[in-house]
Amino acid sequence: MYREVLAWKGAIFARQQRLRTERRDRVLAALFEELRTTTRELASQALRLHSPQEGTAWKDKLDTLTARKEQLERDLASRSAAFRDEQAQRRTLEAAQAALPEGAVLVDFLEYNQYGPVPGEHGVLKKERRLIAFVVRPGRPVVRVDIGPEEPIAAAIDQWRGSPRCW
């Protein structure tokens, strides 16, 4: 499960880096915006139901959008080191483990929504914010620790922050 969490968090981190780069360079910002628009349109077209009569035109549209997306990615890779690095980097568990110094441990927290049935109410689901932690060590399997509901933990943190010993 942690491989998927790491890939998701890595994608968010890469997007944040890219957004910072965009803010500094108007030409890159325009290219990134066109890439976003083209990618959205490509996804929309790919998932769109079409009639058999539209088959050739639909495929041509997909091919055109795909070619444009790939060209924009090449342009961005040639102009932006951050984009190039994002495309080249694979945020893998093995890479994270290899990056840890000898004797170090990474504890990666994830807050998520868990849905479950409400007892006695058919078809009704309740939502609960929960926390889990992943303990990552070099050369060892990742350990998943279910910490539990978020609410009592948040209350304990708030209480601790308000205590006079909090520094």
N, C-alpha and C. Protein backbone atom coordinates (compact mmCIF):
# COMPACT_ATOMS: atom_id res chain seq x y z
N MET A 1 0.82 -1.18 0.00
CA MET A 1 0.00 0.00 0.00
C MET A 1 0.88 1.27 0.00
N TYR A 2 2.03 1.22 0.67
CA TYR A 2 2.84 2.43 0.77
C TYR A 2 3.38 2.86 -0.59
N ARG A 3 3.61 1.94 -1.50
CA ARG A 3 4.08 2.32 -2.84
C ARG A 3 3.10 3.30 -3.49
N GLU A 4 1.80 3.03 -3.37
CA GLU A 4 0.79 3.92 -3.95
C GLU A 4 0.75 5.26 -3.23
N VAL A 5 0.87 5.24 -1.90
CA VAL A 5 0.88 6.48 -1.12
C VAL A 5 2.09 7.32 -1.52
N LEU A 6 3.25 6.69 -1.62
CA LEU A 6 4.47 7.41 -1.99
C LEU A 6 4.37 8.01 -3.39
N ALA A 7 3.83 7.26 -4.33
CA ALA A 7 3.67 7.78 -5.69
C ALA A 7 2.72 8.97 -5.70
N TRP A 8 1.64 8.88 -4.94
CA TRP A 8 0.67 9.97 -4.85
C TRP A 8 1.30 11.21 -4.23
N LYS A 9 1.99 11.02 -3.10
CA LYS A 9 2.64 12.16 -2.44
C LYS A 9 3.74 12.73 -3.35
N GLY A 10 4.46 11.87 -4.05
CA GLY A 10 5.50 12.34 -4.96
C GLY A 10 4.93 13.17 -6.08
N ALA A 11 3.78 12.77 -6.59
CA ALA A 11 3.14 13.53 -7.67
C ALA A 11 2.71 14.90 -7.17
N ILE A 12 2.21 14.95 -5.94
CA ILE A 12 1.80 16.24 -5.37
C ILE A 12 3.02 17.14 -5.17
N PHE A 13 4.11 16.57 -4.65
CA PHE A 13 5.34 17.34 -4.45
C PHE A 13 5.86 17.89 -5.78
N ALA A 14 5.87 17.03 -6.80
CA ALA A 14 6.35 17.46 -8.12
C ALA A 14 5.47 18.57 -8.68
N ARG A 15 4.17 18.46 -8.48
CA ARG A 15 3.26 19.50 -8.96
C ARG A 15 3.52 20.81 -8.24
N GLN A 16 3.77 20.76 -6.93
CA GLN A 16 4.08 21.98 -6.19
C GLN A 16 5.36 22.63 -6.70
N GLN A 17 6.39 21.82 -6.98
CA GLN A 17 7.63 22.37 -7.54
C GLN A 17 7.35 23.03 -8.89
N ARG A 18 6.56 22.37 -9.71
CA ARG A 18 6.24 22.89 -11.03
C ARG A 18 5.48 24.21 -10.92
N LEU A 19 4.54 24.29 -10.00
CA LEU A 19 3.78 25.52 -9.82
C LEU A 19 4.68 26.68 -9.39
N ARG A 20 5.66 26.40 -8.54
CA ARG A 20 6.61 27.45 -8.14
C ARG A 20 7.41 27.93 -9.35
N THR A 21 7.81 26.99 -10.20
CA THR A 21 8.56 27.34 -11.41
C THR A 21 7.69 28.19 -12.33
N GLU A 22 6.43 27.82 -12.48
CA GLU A 22 5.51 28.55 -13.34
C GLU A 22 5.36 30.01 -12.91
N ARG A 23 5.29 30.22 -11.60
CA ARG A 23 5.09 31.59 -11.10
C ARG A 23 6.25 32.51 -11.48
N ARG A 24 7.43 31.94 -11.68
CA ARG A 24 8.62 32.75 -11.96
C ARG A 24 8.83 32.99 -13.45
N ASP A 25 8.20 32.21 -14.32
CA ASP A 25 8.50 32.29 -15.75
C ASP A 25 7.20 32.27 -16.55
N ARG A 26 6.86 33.41 -17.18
CA ARG A 26 5.59 33.53 -17.92
C ARG A 26 5.51 32.60 -19.12
N VAL A 27 6.63 32.40 -19.82
CA VAL A 27 6.62 31.50 -20.99
C VAL A 27 6.32 30.08 -20.54
N LEU A 28 6.98 29.64 -19.46
CA LEU A 28 6.71 28.29 -18.94
C LEU A 28 5.27 28.19 -18.43
N ALA A 29 4.80 29.24 -17.79
CA ALA A 29 3.43 29.23 -17.27
C ALA A 29 2.43 29.00 -18.40
N ALA A 30 2.65 29.66 -19.53
CA ALA A 30 1.76 29.49 -20.68
C ALA A 30 1.83 28.07 -21.23
N LEU A 31 3.04 27.50 -21.29
CA LEU A 31 3.19 26.13 -21.77
C LEU A 31 2.53 25.13 -20.82
N PHE A 32 2.74 25.33 -19.51
CA PHE A 32 2.11 24.44 -18.53
C PHE A 32 0.59 24.52 -18.62
N GLU A 33 0.06 25.72 -18.80
CA GLU A 33 -1.40 25.87 -18.91
C GLU A 33 -1.92 25.17 -20.17
N GLU A 34 -1.20 25.31 -21.27
CA GLU A 34 -1.62 24.62 -22.50
C GLU A 34 -1.53 23.11 -22.33
N LEU A 35 -0.50 22.64 -21.63
CA LEU A 35 -0.38 21.20 -21.37
C LEU A 35 -1.55 20.72 -20.52
N ARG A 36 -1.91 21.46 -19.48
CA ARG A 36 -3.05 21.08 -18.64
C ARG A 36 -4.34 21.02 -19.47
N THR A 37 -4.55 22.04 -20.27
CA THR A 37 -5.76 22.10 -21.10
C THR A 37 -5.80 20.95 -22.10
N THR A 38 -4.69 20.72 -22.75
CA THR A 38 -4.61 19.64 -23.74
C THR A 38 -4.81 18.28 -23.09
N THR A 39 -4.20 18.08 -21.92
CA THR A 39 -4.33 16.80 -21.21
C THR A 39 -5.78 16.57 -20.78
N ARG A 40 -6.43 17.63 -20.28
CA ARG A 40 -7.85 17.52 -19.90
C ARG A 40 -8.72 17.17 -21.09
N GLU A 41 -8.48 17.85 -22.21
CA GLU A 41 -9.28 17.59 -23.41
C GLU A 41 -9.03 16.18 -23.94
N LEU A 42 -7.78 15.74 -23.88
CA LEU A 42 -7.45 14.38 -24.32
C LEU A 42 -8.18 13.35 -23.46
N ALA A 43 -8.15 13.53 -22.15
CA ALA A 43 -8.84 12.59 -21.25
C ALA A 43 -10.34 12.61 -21.51
N SER A 44 -10.89 13.79 -21.70
CA SER A 44 -12.32 13.92 -21.97
C SER A 44 -12.70 13.21 -23.27
N GLN A 45 -11.91 13.42 -24.31
CA GLN A 45 -12.18 12.78 -25.60
C GLN A 45 -12.02 11.27 -25.52
N ALA A 46 -10.99 10.83 -24.81
CA ALA A 46 -10.73 9.38 -24.71
C ALA A 46 -11.88 8.66 -24.01
N LEU A 47 -12.51 9.32 -23.05
CA LEU A 47 -13.59 8.69 -22.27
C LEU A 47 -14.98 8.95 -22.85
N ARG A 48 -15.06 9.81 -23.84
CA ARG A 48 -16.35 10.20 -24.41
C ARG A 48 -16.94 9.05 -25.24
N LEU A 49 -18.22 8.82 -25.04
CA LEU A 49 -18.90 7.85 -25.88
C LEU A 49 -19.11 8.49 -27.25
N HIS A 50 -18.85 7.72 -28.29
CA HIS A 50 -19.02 8.25 -29.64
C HIS A 50 -19.72 7.21 -30.50
N SER A 51 -20.38 7.69 -31.51
CA SER A 51 -21.11 6.79 -32.40
C SER A 51 -20.12 6.14 -33.36
N PRO A 52 -20.51 5.02 -33.96
CA PRO A 52 -19.63 4.38 -34.94
C PRO A 52 -19.27 5.31 -36.11
N GLN A 53 -20.19 6.20 -36.47
CA GLN A 53 -19.93 7.12 -37.58
C GLN A 53 -18.81 8.11 -37.22
N GLU A 54 -18.65 8.40 -35.94
CA GLU A 54 -17.61 9.33 -35.49
C GLU A 54 -16.25 8.66 -35.32
N GLY A 55 -16.19 7.36 -35.49
CA GLY A 55 -14.98 6.59 -35.19
C GLY A 55 -13.68 7.17 -35.73
N THR A 56 -13.63 7.45 -37.04
CA THR A 56 -12.40 7.96 -37.65
C THR A 56 -12.09 9.37 -37.16
N ALA A 57 -13.09 10.23 -37.11
CA ALA A 57 -12.88 11.60 -36.64
C ALA A 57 -12.45 11.60 -35.18
N TRP A 58 -13.06 10.73 -34.36
CA TRP A 58 -12.71 10.63 -32.96
C TRP A 58 -11.27 10.19 -32.79
N LYS A 59 -10.85 9.17 -33.55
CA LYS A 59 -9.47 8.68 -33.47
C LYS A 59 -8.50 9.75 -33.95
N ASP A 60 -8.84 10.47 -35.00
CA ASP A 60 -7.98 11.55 -35.50
C ASP A 60 -7.81 12.63 -34.43
N LYS A 61 -8.91 12.97 -33.75
CA LYS A 61 -8.86 13.98 -32.68
C LYS A 61 -7.94 13.50 -31.55
N LEU A 62 -8.06 12.23 -31.16
CA LEU A 62 -7.19 11.67 -30.13
C LEU A 62 -5.73 11.72 -30.56
N ASP A 63 -5.46 11.36 -31.81
CA ASP A 63 -4.09 11.39 -32.32
C ASP A 63 -3.52 12.80 -32.31
N THR A 64 -4.32 13.78 -32.71
CA THR A 64 -3.88 15.17 -32.73
C THR A 64 -3.59 15.67 -31.32
N LEU A 65 -4.50 15.38 -30.39
CA LEU A 65 -4.30 15.81 -29.01
C LEU A 65 -3.09 15.12 -28.38
N THR A 66 -2.91 13.84 -28.66
CA THR A 66 -1.76 13.10 -28.12
C THR A 66 -0.46 13.69 -28.65
N ALA A 67 -0.41 13.97 -29.95
CA ALA A 67 0.80 14.56 -30.55
C ALA A 67 1.09 15.93 -29.93
N ARG A 68 0.05 16.74 -29.72
CA ARG A 68 0.25 18.06 -29.13
C ARG A 68 0.74 17.95 -27.70
N LYS A 69 0.17 17.04 -26.93
CA LYS A 69 0.59 16.82 -25.55
C LYS A 69 2.06 16.41 -25.50
N GLU A 70 2.44 15.49 -26.35
CA GLU A 70 3.84 15.04 -26.38
C GLU A 70 4.79 16.16 -26.79
N GLN A 71 4.36 17.00 -27.74
CA GLN A 71 5.20 18.13 -28.16
C GLN A 71 5.36 19.13 -27.01
N LEU A 72 4.28 19.42 -26.31
CA LEU A 72 4.35 20.33 -25.17
C LEU A 72 5.28 19.77 -24.08
N GLU A 73 5.20 18.47 -23.83
CA GLU A 73 6.08 17.85 -22.85
C GLU A 73 7.54 17.97 -23.27
N ARG A 74 7.82 17.77 -24.57
CA ARG A 74 9.20 17.93 -25.06
C ARG A 74 9.67 19.37 -24.90
N ASP A 75 8.79 20.33 -25.25
CA ASP A 75 9.14 21.75 -25.10
C ASP A 75 9.44 22.10 -23.65
N LEU A 76 8.58 21.63 -22.76
CA LEU A 76 8.79 21.91 -21.34
C LEU A 76 10.05 21.25 -20.81
N ALA A 77 10.31 20.02 -21.24
CA ALA A 77 11.52 19.33 -20.79
C ALA A 77 12.77 20.05 -21.26
N SER A 78 12.72 20.66 -22.44
CA SER A 78 13.90 21.37 -22.95
C SER A 78 14.09 22.72 -22.26
N ARG A 79 13.03 23.29 -21.67
CA ARG A 79 13.10 24.63 -21.06
C ARG A 79 13.09 24.64 -19.54
N SER A 80 12.67 23.55 -18.93
CA SER A 80 12.49 23.54 -17.47
C SER A 80 13.18 22.34 -16.85
N ALA A 81 14.20 22.62 -16.04
CA ALA A 81 14.90 21.54 -15.34
C ALA A 81 13.95 20.84 -14.37
N ALA A 82 13.06 21.60 -13.72
CA ALA A 82 12.11 21.00 -12.77
C ALA A 82 11.19 20.01 -13.48
N PHE A 83 10.70 20.40 -14.66
CA PHE A 83 9.82 19.50 -15.41
C PHE A 83 10.59 18.27 -15.88
N ARG A 84 11.80 18.49 -16.37
CA ARG A 84 12.66 17.40 -16.84
C ARG A 84 12.92 16.41 -15.70
N ASP A 85 13.24 16.95 -14.53
CA ASP A 85 13.49 16.09 -13.37
C ASP A 85 12.25 15.32 -12.98
N GLU A 86 11.10 16.00 -13.03
CA GLU A 86 9.84 15.35 -12.68
C GLU A 86 9.56 14.17 -13.62
N GLN A 87 9.81 14.38 -14.90
CA GLN A 87 9.56 13.33 -15.87
C GLN A 87 10.53 12.16 -15.70
N ALA A 88 11.77 12.47 -15.32
CA ALA A 88 12.80 11.44 -15.22
C ALA A 88 12.75 10.69 -13.90
N GLN A 89 12.35 11.38 -12.85
CA GLN A 89 12.37 10.78 -11.53
C GLN A 89 11.23 9.81 -11.32
N ARG A 90 11.58 8.70 -10.73
CA ARG A 90 10.57 7.76 -10.29
C ARG A 90 10.63 7.76 -8.77
N ARG A 91 9.56 8.17 -8.16
CA ARG A 91 9.52 8.19 -6.71
C ARG A 91 9.13 6.80 -6.24
N THR A 92 10.15 6.01 -5.98
CA THR A 92 9.91 4.62 -5.61
C THR A 92 10.26 4.40 -4.15
N LEU A 93 9.72 3.35 -3.60
CA LEU A 93 10.05 2.95 -2.24
C LEU A 93 11.54 2.67 -2.13
N GLU A 94 12.09 1.98 -3.11
CA GLU A 94 13.52 1.65 -3.06
C GLU A 94 14.39 2.91 -3.06
N ALA A 95 13.99 3.91 -3.84
CA ALA A 95 14.75 5.17 -3.88
C ALA A 95 14.66 5.88 -2.53
N ALA A 96 13.48 5.87 -1.91
CA ALA A 96 13.31 6.49 -0.60
C ALA A 96 14.17 5.78 0.44
N GLN A 97 14.15 4.45 0.41
CA GLN A 97 14.95 3.69 1.36
C GLN A 97 16.44 3.95 1.15
N ALA A 98 16.87 4.01 -0.09
CA ALA A 98 18.29 4.24 -0.39
C ALA A 98 18.74 5.64 0.03
N ALA A 99 17.81 6.60 0.05
CA ALA A 99 18.15 7.97 0.42
C ALA A 99 18.30 8.15 1.93
N LEU A 100 17.81 7.19 2.71
CA LEU A 100 17.90 7.31 4.16
C LEU A 100 19.32 7.03 4.64
N PRO A 101 19.83 7.89 5.52
CA PRO A 101 21.15 7.63 6.09
C PRO A 101 21.14 6.39 6.97
N GLU A 102 22.30 5.83 7.20
CA GLU A 102 22.47 4.66 8.06
C GLU A 102 21.82 4.92 9.42
N GLY A 103 20.97 4.00 9.85
CA GLY A 103 20.33 4.10 11.15
C GLY A 103 19.12 5.03 11.20
N ALA A 104 18.78 5.65 10.07
CA ALA A 104 17.64 6.57 10.05
C ALA A 104 16.34 5.82 9.75
N VAL A 105 15.25 6.42 10.17
CA VAL A 105 13.92 5.87 9.93
C VAL A 105 13.04 7.02 9.45
N LEU A 106 12.23 6.76 8.45
CA LEU A 106 11.24 7.73 7.98
C LEU A 106 9.88 7.27 8.48
N VAL A 107 9.18 8.17 9.15
CA VAL A 107 7.81 7.89 9.56
C VAL A 107 6.93 8.83 8.75
N ASP A 108 6.15 8.26 7.86
CA ASP A 108 5.32 9.02 6.93
C ASP A 108 3.86 8.86 7.34
N PHE A 109 3.21 9.97 7.68
CA PHE A 109 1.83 9.94 8.16
C PHE A 109 0.86 10.19 7.01
N LEU A 110 -0.29 9.56 7.10
CA LEU A 110 -1.35 9.77 6.12
C LEU A 110 -2.67 9.89 6.87
N GLU A 111 -3.38 10.98 6.58
CA GLU A 111 -4.72 11.18 7.14
C GLU A 111 -5.70 10.86 6.01
N TYR A 112 -6.74 10.09 6.31
CA TYR A 112 -7.67 9.68 5.26
C TYR A 112 -9.08 9.55 5.83
N ASN A 113 -10.05 9.47 4.94
CA ASN A 113 -11.44 9.24 5.31
C ASN A 113 -11.74 7.75 5.22
N GLN A 114 -12.33 7.21 6.26
CA GLN A 114 -12.80 5.82 6.24
C GLN A 114 -14.31 5.84 6.33
N TYR A 115 -14.96 5.13 5.45
CA TYR A 115 -16.42 5.06 5.43
C TYR A 115 -16.86 3.68 5.89
N GLY A 116 -17.90 3.65 6.70
CA GLY A 116 -18.43 2.38 7.18
C GLY A 116 -19.91 2.49 7.44
N PRO A 117 -20.59 1.36 7.51
CA PRO A 117 -22.04 1.39 7.72
C PRO A 117 -22.40 1.89 9.13
N VAL A 118 -23.54 2.56 9.20
CA VAL A 118 -24.08 3.00 10.48
C VAL A 118 -24.97 1.85 10.98
N PRO A 119 -24.68 1.33 12.17
CA PRO A 119 -25.49 0.21 12.69
C PRO A 119 -26.97 0.56 12.73
N GLY A 120 -27.78 -0.32 12.19
CA GLY A 120 -29.22 -0.16 12.22
C GLY A 120 -29.79 0.76 11.15
N GLU A 121 -28.94 1.34 10.31
CA GLU A 121 -29.43 2.23 9.25
C GLU A 121 -28.94 1.70 7.91
N HIS A 122 -29.80 0.95 7.26
CA HIS A 122 -29.45 0.31 6.00
C HIS A 122 -29.09 1.35 4.92
N GLY A 123 -27.94 1.17 4.29
CA GLY A 123 -27.53 2.03 3.20
C GLY A 123 -26.91 3.36 3.61
N VAL A 124 -26.76 3.58 4.91
CA VAL A 124 -26.18 4.84 5.39
C VAL A 124 -24.72 4.59 5.80
N LEU A 125 -23.84 5.47 5.32
CA LEU A 125 -22.43 5.35 5.66
C LEU A 125 -22.00 6.52 6.53
N LYS A 126 -21.13 6.23 7.48
CA LYS A 126 -20.55 7.30 8.29
C LYS A 126 -19.10 7.49 7.84
N LYS A 127 -18.64 8.73 7.96
CA LYS A 127 -17.27 9.06 7.58
C LYS A 127 -16.47 9.34 8.84
N GLU A 128 -15.26 8.78 8.89
CA GLU A 128 -14.38 9.01 10.03
C GLU A 128 -12.98 9.34 9.52
N ARG A 129 -12.40 10.46 10.00
CA ARG A 129 -11.01 10.80 9.66
C ARG A 129 -10.11 9.92 10.50
N ARG A 130 -9.14 9.28 9.85
CA ARG A 130 -8.23 8.37 10.55
C ARG A 130 -6.80 8.67 10.16
N LEU A 131 -5.88 8.19 10.98
CA LEU A 131 -4.45 8.35 10.72
C LEU A 131 -3.78 6.99 10.67
N ILE A 132 -2.87 6.87 9.74
CA ILE A 132 -1.96 5.73 9.71
C ILE A 132 -0.56 6.28 9.51
N ALA A 133 0.40 5.49 9.91
CA ALA A 133 1.81 5.85 9.71
C ALA A 133 2.49 4.69 8.99
N PHE A 134 3.44 5.04 8.15
CA PHE A 134 4.27 4.05 7.49
C PHE A 134 5.70 4.25 7.99
N VAL A 135 6.30 3.20 8.52
CA VAL A 135 7.67 3.27 9.02
C VAL A 135 8.57 2.66 7.96
N VAL A 136 9.45 3.51 7.42
CA VAL A 136 10.32 3.11 6.31
C VAL A 136 11.75 3.07 6.82
N ARG A 137 12.41 1.91 6.61
CA ARG A 137 13.81 1.75 7.00
C ARG A 137 14.56 1.14 5.83
N PRO A 138 15.83 1.47 5.69
CA PRO A 138 16.61 0.88 4.59
C PRO A 138 16.66 -0.65 4.70
N GLY A 139 16.40 -1.31 3.58
CA GLY A 139 16.54 -2.76 3.51
C GLY A 139 15.54 -3.56 4.32
N ARG A 140 14.48 -2.94 4.79
CA ARG A 140 13.48 -3.64 5.59
C ARG A 140 12.09 -3.41 5.01
N PRO A 141 11.17 -4.31 5.24
CA PRO A 141 9.79 -4.07 4.78
C PRO A 141 9.19 -2.86 5.49
N VAL A 142 8.31 -2.18 4.79
CA VAL A 142 7.59 -1.04 5.38
C VAL A 142 6.58 -1.59 6.38
N VAL A 143 6.50 -0.92 7.53
CA VAL A 143 5.54 -1.31 8.56
C VAL A 143 4.43 -0.27 8.57
N ARG A 144 3.20 -0.75 8.48
CA ARG A 144 2.02 0.13 8.52
C ARG A 144 1.46 0.08 9.94
N VAL A 145 1.27 1.27 10.54
CA VAL A 145 0.75 1.37 11.89
C VAL A 145 -0.56 2.14 11.84
N ASP A 146 -1.65 1.47 12.23
CA ASP A 146 -2.96 2.12 12.28
C ASP A 146 -3.01 2.91 13.58
N ILE A 147 -3.00 4.23 13.48
CA ILE A 147 -2.98 5.07 14.67
C ILE A 147 -4.38 5.26 15.22
N GLY A 148 -5.38 5.30 14.34
CA GLY A 148 -6.75 5.38 14.80
C GLY A 148 -7.44 6.65 14.36
N PRO A 149 -8.59 6.95 15.00
CA PRO A 149 -9.36 8.14 14.64
C PRO A 149 -8.54 9.42 14.87
N GLU A 150 -8.72 10.37 13.99
CA GLU A 150 -7.97 11.63 14.03
C GLU A 150 -8.43 12.52 15.17
N GLU A 151 -9.70 12.51 15.50
CA GLU A 151 -10.28 13.46 16.46
C GLU A 151 -9.60 13.46 17.83
N PRO A 152 -9.43 12.31 18.50
CA PRO A 152 -8.78 12.37 19.82
C PRO A 152 -7.30 12.77 19.73
N ILE A 153 -6.66 12.43 18.63
CA ILE A 153 -5.26 12.82 18.46
C ILE A 153 -5.15 14.33 18.28
N ALA A 154 -6.02 14.90 17.45
CA ALA A 154 -6.03 16.35 17.25
C ALA A 154 -6.32 17.07 18.56
N ALA A 155 -7.25 16.55 19.36
CA ALA A 155 -7.57 17.17 20.64
C ALA A 155 -6.37 17.11 21.58
N ALA A 156 -5.67 15.99 21.60
CA ALA A 156 -4.47 15.87 22.46
C ALA A 156 -3.37 16.83 22.01
N ILE A 157 -3.21 16.98 20.72
CA ILE A 157 -2.20 17.92 20.19
C ILE A 157 -2.57 19.35 20.57
N ASP A 158 -3.84 19.71 20.40
CA ASP A 158 -4.29 21.06 20.78
C ASP A 158 -4.06 21.31 22.26
N GLN A 159 -4.35 20.31 23.10
CA GLN A 159 -4.14 20.45 24.54
C GLN A 159 -2.65 20.61 24.83
N TRP A 160 -1.83 19.83 24.21
CA TRP A 160 -0.37 19.90 24.42
C TRP A 160 0.16 21.26 24.00
N ARG A 161 -0.31 21.76 22.84
CA ARG A 161 0.15 23.07 22.37
C ARG A 161 -0.23 24.19 23.34
N GLY A 162 -1.34 24.03 24.03
CA GLY A 162 -1.77 25.04 24.98
C GLY A 162 -1.12 24.92 26.34
N SER A 163 -0.40 23.83 26.58
CA SER A 163 0.20 23.64 27.91
C SER A 163 1.42 24.53 28.06
N PRO A 164 1.77 24.92 29.31
CA PRO A 164 2.92 25.80 29.54
C PRO A 164 4.25 25.14 29.19
N ARG A 165 4.32 23.81 29.13
CA ARG A 165 5.58 23.13 28.82
C ARG A 165 5.86 23.07 27.32
N CYS A 166 4.89 23.44 26.52
CA CYS A 166 5.07 23.40 25.06
C CYS A 166 6.05 24.48 24.64
N TRP A 167 7.08 24.12 23.92
CA TRP A 167 8.05 25.11 23.48
C TRP A 167 8.13 25.15 22.03
